[in-house]
Amino acid sequence: MAITTTPSAVPTLSEWGLIAMASILGIVGFMVIRRRKVTA
């Protein structure tokens, strides 16, 4: 008795999605570091 399963689709990011995500994370990180320096 063999059980066959269909492979599920794994969501992937395109190059533009990866660039957008990296830039958003960079901007957010910059804002957090800047805010910490001002309050400290």
N, C-alpha and C. Protein backbone atom coordinates (compact mmCIF):
# COMPACT_ATOMS: atom_id res chain seq x y z
N MET A 1 0.85 -1.19 0.00
CA MET A 1 0.00 0.00 0.00
C MET A 1 0.89 1.24 0.00
N ALA A 2 0.82 1.98 -1.06
CA ALA A 2 1.64 3.19 -1.19
C ALA A 2 0.76 4.42 -1.05
N ILE A 3 1.22 5.35 -0.24
CA ILE A 3 0.48 6.61 -0.05
C ILE A 3 1.19 7.69 -0.86
N THR A 4 0.48 8.24 -1.80
CA THR A 4 1.07 9.31 -2.62
C THR A 4 0.46 10.64 -2.22
N THR A 5 1.32 11.61 -2.04
CA THR A 5 0.84 12.95 -1.70
C THR A 5 1.31 13.92 -2.77
N THR A 6 0.49 14.88 -3.07
CA THR A 6 0.88 15.88 -4.05
C THR A 6 1.73 16.94 -3.36
N PRO A 7 2.81 17.36 -3.99
CA PRO A 7 3.66 18.38 -3.35
C PRO A 7 2.91 19.71 -3.22
N SER A 8 2.99 20.29 -2.04
CA SER A 8 2.32 21.56 -1.83
C SER A 8 3.18 22.69 -2.34
N ALA A 9 2.55 23.74 -2.79
CA ALA A 9 3.27 24.88 -3.34
C ALA A 9 3.91 25.68 -2.21
N VAL A 10 5.19 25.95 -2.35
CA VAL A 10 5.91 26.74 -1.35
C VAL A 10 6.01 28.16 -1.87
N PRO A 11 5.51 29.14 -1.12
CA PRO A 11 5.58 30.52 -1.61
C PRO A 11 7.02 31.04 -1.65
N THR A 12 7.38 31.65 -2.76
CA THR A 12 8.73 32.20 -2.91
C THR A 12 8.62 33.68 -3.27
N LEU A 13 9.66 34.41 -2.96
CA LEU A 13 9.69 35.83 -3.30
C LEU A 13 10.42 36.03 -4.62
N SER A 14 9.90 36.93 -5.41
CA SER A 14 10.63 37.29 -6.61
C SER A 14 11.78 38.21 -6.24
N GLU A 15 12.60 38.55 -7.20
CA GLU A 15 13.73 39.44 -6.91
C GLU A 15 13.24 40.80 -6.43
N TRP A 16 12.19 41.30 -7.03
CA TRP A 16 11.66 42.61 -6.62
C TRP A 16 11.09 42.55 -5.22
N GLY A 17 10.43 41.46 -4.88
CA GLY A 17 9.90 41.30 -3.53
C GLY A 17 11.01 41.23 -2.50
N LEU A 18 12.10 40.54 -2.84
CA LEU A 18 13.24 40.45 -1.94
C LEU A 18 13.91 41.81 -1.75
N ILE A 19 14.04 42.58 -2.83
CA ILE A 19 14.62 43.92 -2.75
C ILE A 19 13.73 44.82 -1.90
N ALA A 20 12.42 44.76 -2.09
CA ALA A 20 11.50 45.59 -1.31
C ALA A 20 11.54 45.22 0.16
N MET A 21 11.56 43.94 0.47
CA MET A 21 11.59 43.51 1.87
C MET A 21 12.89 43.94 2.54
N ALA A 22 14.02 43.80 1.84
CA ALA A 22 15.30 44.20 2.41
C ALA A 22 15.36 45.70 2.65
N SER A 23 14.82 46.49 1.73
CA SER A 23 14.85 47.94 1.91
C SER A 23 13.93 48.37 3.04
N ILE A 24 12.77 47.76 3.18
CA ILE A 24 11.86 48.09 4.28
C ILE A 24 12.51 47.74 5.62
N LEU A 25 13.12 46.56 5.70
CA LEU A 25 13.80 46.17 6.94
C LEU A 25 14.95 47.11 7.26
N GLY A 26 15.67 47.56 6.24
CA GLY A 26 16.77 48.50 6.46
C GLY A 26 16.28 49.83 6.97
N ILE A 27 15.19 50.34 6.40
CA ILE A 27 14.64 51.62 6.85
C ILE A 27 14.13 51.52 8.28
N VAL A 28 13.42 50.44 8.59
CA VAL A 28 12.91 50.26 9.95
C VAL A 28 14.05 50.13 10.94
N GLY A 29 15.07 49.38 10.59
CA GLY A 29 16.23 49.24 11.48
C GLY A 29 16.93 50.56 11.70
N PHE A 30 17.07 51.35 10.64
CA PHE A 30 17.70 52.67 10.77
C PHE A 30 16.89 53.57 11.70
N MET A 31 15.56 53.53 11.56
CA MET A 31 14.71 54.36 12.42
C MET A 31 14.81 53.92 13.88
N VAL A 32 14.86 52.62 14.13
CA VAL A 32 14.96 52.12 15.50
C VAL A 32 16.28 52.53 16.13
N ILE A 33 17.37 52.38 15.39
CA ILE A 33 18.69 52.76 15.92
C ILE A 33 18.73 54.27 16.18
N ARG A 34 18.19 55.03 15.26
CA ARG A 34 18.19 56.49 15.42
C ARG A 34 17.37 56.89 16.64
N ARG A 35 16.21 56.26 16.82
CA ARG A 35 15.35 56.59 17.96
C ARG A 35 16.03 56.23 19.28
N ARG A 36 16.74 55.11 19.31
CA ARG A 36 17.42 54.70 20.55
C ARG A 36 18.54 55.67 20.90
N LYS A 37 19.24 56.20 19.90
CA LYS A 37 20.33 57.14 20.17
C LYS A 37 19.78 58.46 20.70
N VAL A 38 18.62 58.89 20.23
CA VAL A 38 18.03 60.15 20.67
C VAL A 38 17.55 60.04 22.11
N THR A 39 16.89 58.94 22.44
CA THR A 39 16.33 58.80 23.80
C THR A 39 17.40 58.44 24.82
N ALA A 40 18.48 57.81 24.40
CA ALA A 40 19.51 57.38 25.35
C ALA A 40 20.40 58.54 25.78
